[in-house]
Amino acid sequence: MLDSSLLSLIALGGAALFGLQGAVSLAIRHHIFRDYHRQSACDKVTRSKEAYISKFPAASAAVIFYCLVLYLLIRGFYQGEIHILLLNAAMIIALLATCYYAYQMFYRLRIICIGCLRVHLANLLMGSALLFYHFH
């Protein structure tokens, strides 16, 4: 029988996959369609200066983040020890980034990007799953 801590880590992995799909979609939009002037909200966000961390696209950083989380989970399952401290640190950074980019999207750009909302929702779900892991 599965205990609640294992279920919360499985939920964390599922939310990471959900976020990875959204981040890959945004990264593809950013790299392939950046020279096309399409008018969807996601395209406007990916063309904005707020979509960068220094000169690195935030969507690409999100892809790396989700791959790192999935790597830590898969490696931990096979080795029998999950590095919870690394997952906690990664989640704190992700939740801070979610707050920052949600603010940028809603209040600075005044755009509702469904792809970005998907990534933000994945981060919130991952944070909730990790919080549940600590309390059970």
N, C-alpha and C. Protein backbone atom coordinates (compact mmCIF):
# COMPACT_ATOMS: atom_id res chain seq x y z
N MET A 1 0.84 -1.18 0.00
CA MET A 1 0.00 0.00 0.00
C MET A 1 0.88 1.24 0.00
N LEU A 2 0.44 2.27 -0.71
CA LEU A 2 1.19 3.51 -0.81
C LEU A 2 0.90 4.40 0.39
N ASP A 3 1.97 4.96 0.97
CA ASP A 3 1.74 5.90 2.06
C ASP A 3 1.57 7.30 1.48
N SER A 4 1.13 8.23 2.32
CA SER A 4 0.79 9.57 1.83
C SER A 4 2.02 10.35 1.37
N SER A 5 3.19 10.10 1.95
CA SER A 5 4.38 10.82 1.50
C SER A 5 4.78 10.40 0.09
N LEU A 6 4.65 9.11 -0.22
CA LEU A 6 4.95 8.65 -1.57
C LEU A 6 3.94 9.20 -2.57
N LEU A 7 2.68 9.24 -2.18
CA LEU A 7 1.65 9.80 -3.07
C LEU A 7 1.91 11.28 -3.34
N SER A 8 2.36 12.01 -2.33
CA SER A 8 2.63 13.43 -2.55
C SER A 8 3.83 13.62 -3.47
N LEU A 9 4.83 12.74 -3.41
CA LEU A 9 5.96 12.83 -4.33
C LEU A 9 5.55 12.45 -5.75
N ILE A 10 4.62 11.51 -5.89
CA ILE A 10 4.09 11.17 -7.21
C ILE A 10 3.30 12.35 -7.77
N ALA A 11 2.53 13.01 -6.90
CA ALA A 11 1.79 14.20 -7.33
C ALA A 11 2.76 15.31 -7.74
N LEU A 12 3.87 15.44 -7.02
CA LEU A 12 4.89 16.42 -7.36
C LEU A 12 5.44 16.14 -8.76
N GLY A 13 5.71 14.87 -9.05
CA GLY A 13 6.20 14.50 -10.37
C GLY A 13 5.16 14.75 -11.47
N GLY A 14 3.90 14.45 -11.18
CA GLY A 14 2.84 14.72 -12.15
C GLY A 14 2.69 16.20 -12.44
N ALA A 15 2.77 17.02 -11.40
CA ALA A 15 2.68 18.47 -11.60
C ALA A 15 3.90 18.98 -12.36
N ALA A 16 5.07 18.37 -12.12
CA ALA A 16 6.28 18.75 -12.86
C ALA A 16 6.13 18.42 -14.34
N LEU A 17 5.53 17.27 -14.66
CA LEU A 17 5.28 16.93 -16.06
C LEU A 17 4.30 17.90 -16.71
N PHE A 18 3.27 18.28 -15.94
CA PHE A 18 2.28 19.25 -16.42
C PHE A 18 2.97 20.60 -16.71
N GLY A 19 3.82 21.04 -15.81
CA GLY A 19 4.54 22.29 -16.01
C GLY A 19 5.56 22.20 -17.13
N LEU A 20 6.21 21.04 -17.25
CA LEU A 20 7.20 20.86 -18.31
C LEU A 20 6.55 21.00 -19.68
N GLN A 21 5.37 20.43 -19.84
CA GLN A 21 4.69 20.53 -21.13
C GLN A 21 4.37 22.00 -21.46
N GLY A 22 3.90 22.73 -20.46
CA GLY A 22 3.60 24.15 -20.68
C GLY A 22 4.85 24.96 -20.97
N ALA A 23 5.94 24.67 -20.25
CA ALA A 23 7.18 25.41 -20.45
C ALA A 23 7.80 25.10 -21.81
N VAL A 24 7.73 23.84 -22.23
CA VAL A 24 8.25 23.48 -23.56
C VAL A 24 7.46 24.20 -24.64
N SER A 25 6.15 24.27 -24.47
CA SER A 25 5.31 24.98 -25.43
C SER A 25 5.70 26.46 -25.53
N LEU A 26 5.91 27.09 -24.38
CA LEU A 26 6.32 28.50 -24.38
C LEU A 26 7.71 28.68 -24.96
N ALA A 27 8.61 27.76 -24.66
CA ALA A 27 9.98 27.86 -25.19
C ALA A 27 9.98 27.70 -26.71
N ILE A 28 9.15 26.79 -27.21
CA ILE A 28 9.05 26.61 -28.66
C ILE A 28 8.49 27.87 -29.30
N ARG A 29 7.45 28.43 -28.69
CA ARG A 29 6.89 29.69 -29.21
C ARG A 29 7.96 30.77 -29.22
N HIS A 30 8.75 30.82 -28.17
CA HIS A 30 9.76 31.86 -28.05
C HIS A 30 10.84 31.72 -29.12
N HIS A 31 11.30 30.50 -29.35
CA HIS A 31 12.42 30.32 -30.27
C HIS A 31 12.02 30.21 -31.73
N ILE A 32 10.91 29.56 -32.01
CA ILE A 32 10.53 29.35 -33.41
C ILE A 32 9.72 30.50 -33.97
N PHE A 33 8.79 31.00 -33.18
CA PHE A 33 7.86 32.00 -33.71
C PHE A 33 8.19 33.43 -33.31
N ARG A 34 9.40 33.69 -32.82
CA ARG A 34 9.70 35.04 -32.34
C ARG A 34 9.78 36.05 -33.48
N ASP A 35 10.07 35.61 -34.70
CA ASP A 35 10.14 36.54 -35.82
C ASP A 35 8.79 36.75 -36.50
N TYR A 36 7.80 35.93 -36.16
CA TYR A 36 6.46 36.09 -36.70
C TYR A 36 5.68 36.99 -35.75
N HIS A 37 4.90 37.85 -36.28
CA HIS A 37 4.15 38.79 -35.44
C HIS A 37 2.71 38.31 -35.29
N ARG A 38 2.59 37.21 -34.54
CA ARG A 38 1.26 36.69 -34.24
C ARG A 38 0.71 37.48 -33.08
N GLN A 39 -0.58 37.44 -32.88
CA GLN A 39 -1.22 38.32 -31.91
C GLN A 39 -1.82 37.61 -30.70
N SER A 40 -1.49 36.35 -30.47
CA SER A 40 -2.04 35.70 -29.29
C SER A 40 -1.36 36.24 -28.04
N ALA A 41 -1.99 36.04 -26.89
CA ALA A 41 -1.43 36.55 -25.63
C ALA A 41 -0.09 35.90 -25.33
N CYS A 42 0.03 34.61 -25.59
CA CYS A 42 1.30 33.91 -25.33
C CYS A 42 2.41 34.47 -26.20
N ASP A 43 2.11 34.78 -27.45
CA ASP A 43 3.12 35.35 -28.35
C ASP A 43 3.55 36.73 -27.88
N LYS A 44 2.61 37.51 -27.39
CA LYS A 44 2.96 38.84 -26.87
C LYS A 44 3.85 38.73 -25.64
N VAL A 45 3.56 37.77 -24.79
CA VAL A 45 4.39 37.58 -23.60
C VAL A 45 5.79 37.13 -23.98
N THR A 46 5.90 36.17 -24.89
CA THR A 46 7.22 35.66 -25.26
C THR A 46 8.07 36.69 -26.00
N ARG A 47 7.44 37.69 -26.61
CA ARG A 47 8.19 38.74 -27.28
C ARG A 47 8.54 39.90 -26.35
N SER A 48 8.00 39.92 -25.14
CA SER A 48 8.24 41.04 -24.23
C SER A 48 9.60 40.92 -23.56
N LYS A 49 10.11 42.04 -23.08
CA LYS A 49 11.39 42.03 -22.36
C LYS A 49 11.26 41.34 -21.01
N GLU A 50 10.05 41.24 -20.48
CA GLU A 50 9.82 40.57 -19.20
C GLU A 50 9.98 39.05 -19.31
N ALA A 51 10.06 38.52 -20.52
CA ALA A 51 10.17 37.08 -20.73
C ALA A 51 11.61 36.59 -20.64
N TYR A 52 12.51 37.45 -20.18
CA TYR A 52 13.92 37.09 -20.10
C TYR A 52 14.43 37.20 -18.66
N ILE A 53 15.38 36.34 -18.34
CA ILE A 53 16.16 36.44 -17.12
C ILE A 53 17.55 36.82 -17.62
N SER A 54 17.93 38.06 -17.44
CA SER A 54 19.11 38.64 -18.10
C SER A 54 18.88 38.52 -19.59
N LYS A 55 19.64 37.70 -20.28
CA LYS A 55 19.42 37.50 -21.72
C LYS A 55 18.93 36.10 -22.02
N PHE A 56 18.56 35.35 -20.99
CA PHE A 56 18.12 33.96 -21.13
C PHE A 56 16.60 33.91 -21.04
N PRO A 57 15.92 33.25 -21.98
CA PRO A 57 14.45 33.17 -21.94
C PRO A 57 13.95 32.45 -20.68
N ALA A 58 12.98 33.03 -20.02
CA ALA A 58 12.42 32.44 -18.80
C ALA A 58 11.77 31.09 -19.08
N ALA A 59 11.19 30.92 -20.25
CA ALA A 59 10.57 29.63 -20.60
C ALA A 59 11.62 28.53 -20.68
N SER A 60 12.79 28.83 -21.19
CA SER A 60 13.86 27.83 -21.24
C SER A 60 14.36 27.51 -19.84
N ALA A 61 14.42 28.52 -18.97
CA ALA A 61 14.81 28.27 -17.58
C ALA A 61 13.78 27.38 -16.90
N ALA A 62 12.50 27.56 -17.22
CA ALA A 62 11.45 26.72 -16.64
C ALA A 62 11.59 25.27 -17.12
N VAL A 63 11.94 25.07 -18.38
CA VAL A 63 12.16 23.71 -18.89
C VAL A 63 13.29 23.04 -18.12
N ILE A 64 14.37 23.76 -17.90
CA ILE A 64 15.50 23.22 -17.14
C ILE A 64 15.07 22.90 -15.71
N PHE A 65 14.29 23.79 -15.10
CA PHE A 65 13.82 23.58 -13.74
C PHE A 65 12.98 22.30 -13.63
N TYR A 66 12.02 22.13 -14.51
CA TYR A 66 11.15 20.94 -14.44
C TYR A 66 11.94 19.66 -14.70
N CYS A 67 12.88 19.72 -15.62
CA CYS A 67 13.73 18.54 -15.86
C CYS A 67 14.57 18.22 -14.62
N LEU A 68 15.05 19.24 -13.94
CA LEU A 68 15.83 19.03 -12.72
C LEU A 68 14.97 18.38 -11.64
N VAL A 69 13.75 18.86 -11.46
CA VAL A 69 12.85 18.28 -10.46
C VAL A 69 12.55 16.82 -10.80
N LEU A 70 12.25 16.55 -12.05
CA LEU A 70 11.97 15.16 -12.45
C LEU A 70 13.20 14.28 -12.28
N TYR A 71 14.38 14.81 -12.60
CA TYR A 71 15.61 14.06 -12.41
C TYR A 71 15.81 13.72 -10.93
N LEU A 72 15.62 14.71 -10.05
CA LEU A 72 15.79 14.46 -8.62
C LEU A 72 14.80 13.41 -8.11
N LEU A 73 13.57 13.47 -8.60
CA LEU A 73 12.57 12.49 -8.17
C LEU A 73 12.89 11.08 -8.67
N ILE A 74 13.19 10.97 -9.95
CA ILE A 74 13.48 9.65 -10.53
C ILE A 74 14.75 9.06 -9.91
N ARG A 75 15.76 9.89 -9.79
CA ARG A 75 17.02 9.42 -9.17
C ARG A 75 16.78 9.00 -7.72
N GLY A 76 15.97 9.76 -7.02
CA GLY A 76 15.68 9.43 -5.63
C GLY A 76 14.89 8.14 -5.48
N PHE A 77 13.96 7.88 -6.39
CA PHE A 77 13.20 6.63 -6.33
C PHE A 77 14.10 5.42 -6.57
N TYR A 78 15.04 5.56 -7.52
CA TYR A 78 15.92 4.44 -7.81
C TYR A 78 17.00 4.23 -6.75
N GLN A 79 17.45 5.30 -6.13
CA GLN A 79 18.48 5.18 -5.11
C GLN A 79 17.90 4.99 -3.71
N GLY A 80 16.61 5.19 -3.58
CA GLY A 80 15.97 5.02 -2.28
C GLY A 80 16.10 6.21 -1.36
N GLU A 81 16.66 7.31 -1.84
CA GLU A 81 16.81 8.52 -1.02
C GLU A 81 16.57 9.75 -1.90
N ILE A 82 15.56 10.50 -1.56
CA ILE A 82 15.24 11.71 -2.31
C ILE A 82 15.86 12.90 -1.60
N HIS A 83 16.51 13.76 -2.35
CA HIS A 83 17.14 14.94 -1.79
C HIS A 83 16.08 16.03 -1.57
N ILE A 84 15.42 15.92 -0.45
CA ILE A 84 14.31 16.83 -0.15
C ILE A 84 14.79 18.27 0.00
N LEU A 85 16.00 18.46 0.52
CA LEU A 85 16.53 19.81 0.69
C LEU A 85 16.67 20.51 -0.66
N LEU A 86 17.15 19.79 -1.67
CA LEU A 86 17.26 20.38 -3.01
C LEU A 86 15.88 20.67 -3.60
N LEU A 87 14.93 19.77 -3.39
CA LEU A 87 13.57 20.00 -3.87
C LEU A 87 12.95 21.21 -3.17
N ASN A 88 13.18 21.34 -1.87
CA ASN A 88 12.65 22.50 -1.13
C ASN A 88 13.24 23.80 -1.67
N ALA A 89 14.54 23.83 -1.88
CA ALA A 89 15.19 25.04 -2.40
C ALA A 89 14.67 25.38 -3.80
N ALA A 90 14.53 24.35 -4.63
CA ALA A 90 14.02 24.57 -5.99
C ALA A 90 12.59 25.10 -5.95
N MET A 91 11.78 24.58 -5.04
CA MET A 91 10.38 25.03 -4.96
C MET A 91 10.28 26.46 -4.45
N ILE A 92 11.13 26.84 -3.51
CA ILE A 92 11.11 28.23 -3.04
C ILE A 92 11.45 29.17 -4.18
N ILE A 93 12.46 28.83 -4.96
CA ILE A 93 12.83 29.66 -6.11
C ILE A 93 11.70 29.69 -7.13
N ALA A 94 11.09 28.53 -7.39
CA ALA A 94 10.00 28.47 -8.37
C ALA A 94 8.79 29.28 -7.92
N LEU A 95 8.46 29.23 -6.65
CA LEU A 95 7.31 29.99 -6.16
C LEU A 95 7.59 31.49 -6.18
N LEU A 96 8.82 31.89 -5.89
CA LEU A 96 9.18 33.30 -6.01
C LEU A 96 9.11 33.76 -7.47
N ALA A 97 9.59 32.91 -8.38
CA ALA A 97 9.51 33.24 -9.80
C ALA A 97 8.06 33.31 -10.27
N THR A 98 7.22 32.41 -9.76
CA THR A 98 5.80 32.44 -10.11
C THR A 98 5.16 33.76 -9.67
N CYS A 99 5.45 34.17 -8.46
CA CYS A 99 4.89 35.45 -7.97
C CYS A 99 5.37 36.61 -8.84
N TYR A 100 6.65 36.63 -9.15
CA TYR A 100 7.21 37.72 -9.95
C TYR A 100 6.61 37.75 -11.36
N TYR A 101 6.58 36.60 -12.03
CA TYR A 101 6.09 36.57 -13.41
C TYR A 101 4.58 36.71 -13.49
N ALA A 102 3.85 36.25 -12.50
CA ALA A 102 2.40 36.48 -12.48
C ALA A 102 2.12 37.98 -12.33
N TYR A 103 2.89 38.64 -11.48
CA TYR A 103 2.74 40.09 -11.33
C TYR A 103 3.06 40.79 -12.65
N GLN A 104 4.15 40.40 -13.29
CA GLN A 104 4.52 41.00 -14.57
C GLN A 104 3.43 40.81 -15.61
N MET A 105 2.88 39.59 -15.67
CA MET A 105 1.89 39.28 -16.68
C MET A 105 0.59 40.06 -16.44
N PHE A 106 0.10 40.04 -15.20
CA PHE A 106 -1.19 40.66 -14.93
C PHE A 106 -1.13 42.18 -14.82
N TYR A 107 -0.12 42.72 -14.16
CA TYR A 107 -0.12 44.14 -13.85
C TYR A 107 0.77 44.99 -14.75
N ARG A 108 1.86 44.45 -15.25
CA ARG A 108 2.72 45.24 -16.13
C ARG A 108 2.31 45.08 -17.59
N LEU A 109 2.14 43.83 -18.03
CA LEU A 109 1.79 43.59 -19.42
C LEU A 109 0.28 43.64 -19.66
N ARG A 110 -0.49 43.37 -18.61
CA ARG A 110 -1.95 43.33 -18.69
C ARG A 110 -2.43 42.33 -19.74
N ILE A 111 -1.83 41.13 -19.68
CA ILE A 111 -2.14 40.04 -20.60
C ILE A 111 -2.42 38.80 -19.77
N ILE A 112 -3.35 37.99 -20.25
CA ILE A 112 -3.58 36.69 -19.64
C ILE A 112 -3.12 35.64 -20.64
N CYS A 113 -1.97 35.05 -20.34
CA CYS A 113 -1.37 34.01 -21.19
C CYS A 113 -1.69 32.66 -20.58
N ILE A 114 -2.41 31.84 -21.30
CA ILE A 114 -2.81 30.53 -20.80
C ILE A 114 -1.59 29.64 -20.56
N GLY A 115 -0.59 29.70 -21.42
CA GLY A 115 0.62 28.92 -21.22
C GLY A 115 1.34 29.30 -19.93
N CYS A 116 1.40 30.59 -19.67
CA CYS A 116 2.03 31.06 -18.43
C CYS A 116 1.20 30.64 -17.21
N LEU A 117 -0.11 30.74 -17.32
CA LEU A 117 -0.96 30.31 -16.21
C LEU A 117 -0.76 28.84 -15.91
N ARG A 118 -0.56 28.05 -16.95
CA ARG A 118 -0.33 26.63 -16.77
C ARG A 118 0.96 26.38 -15.98
N VAL A 119 2.01 27.11 -16.29
CA VAL A 119 3.28 26.98 -15.58
C VAL A 119 3.12 27.44 -14.14
N HIS A 120 2.41 28.55 -13.92
CA HIS A 120 2.20 29.04 -12.56
C HIS A 120 1.36 28.05 -11.74
N LEU A 121 0.35 27.49 -12.36
CA LEU A 121 -0.48 26.49 -11.68
C LEU A 121 0.35 25.25 -11.33
N ALA A 122 1.20 24.83 -12.24
CA ALA A 122 2.07 23.67 -11.96
C ALA A 122 2.97 23.95 -10.76
N ASN A 123 3.52 25.16 -10.70
CA ASN A 123 4.38 25.51 -9.56
C ASN A 123 3.60 25.50 -8.26
N LEU A 124 2.38 26.01 -8.28
CA LEU A 124 1.55 26.00 -7.07
C LEU A 124 1.18 24.58 -6.67
N LEU A 125 0.87 23.73 -7.65
CA LEU A 125 0.57 22.33 -7.35
C LEU A 125 1.79 21.60 -6.79
N MET A 126 2.95 21.89 -7.35
CA MET A 126 4.17 21.26 -6.86
C MET A 126 4.48 21.73 -5.44
N GLY A 127 4.31 23.01 -5.18
CA GLY A 127 4.53 23.51 -3.84
C GLY A 127 3.56 22.90 -2.84
N SER A 128 2.31 22.73 -3.24
CA SER A 128 1.32 22.10 -2.37
C SER A 128 1.66 20.65 -2.09
N ALA A 129 2.09 19.92 -3.12
CA ALA A 129 2.45 18.51 -2.94
C ALA A 129 3.65 18.37 -2.02
N LEU A 130 4.61 19.26 -2.17
CA LEU A 130 5.79 19.19 -1.31
C LEU A 130 5.44 19.58 0.13
N LEU A 131 4.56 20.54 0.29
CA LEU A 131 4.10 20.91 1.62
C LEU A 131 3.36 19.75 2.27
N PHE A 132 2.52 19.07 1.50
CA PHE A 132 1.81 17.91 2.01
C PHE A 132 2.78 16.79 2.41
N TYR A 133 3.86 16.65 1.63
CA TYR A 133 4.88 15.64 1.96
C TYR A 133 5.47 15.90 3.36
N HIS A 134 5.72 17.16 3.67
CA HIS A 134 6.33 17.51 4.96
C HIS A 134 5.39 17.31 6.13
N PHE A 135 4.10 17.43 5.90
CA PHE A 135 3.15 17.32 7.01
C PHE A 135 2.60 15.92 7.18
N HIS A 136 3.01 14.97 6.35
CA HIS A 136 2.54 13.58 6.53
C HIS A 136 3.67 12.61 6.45
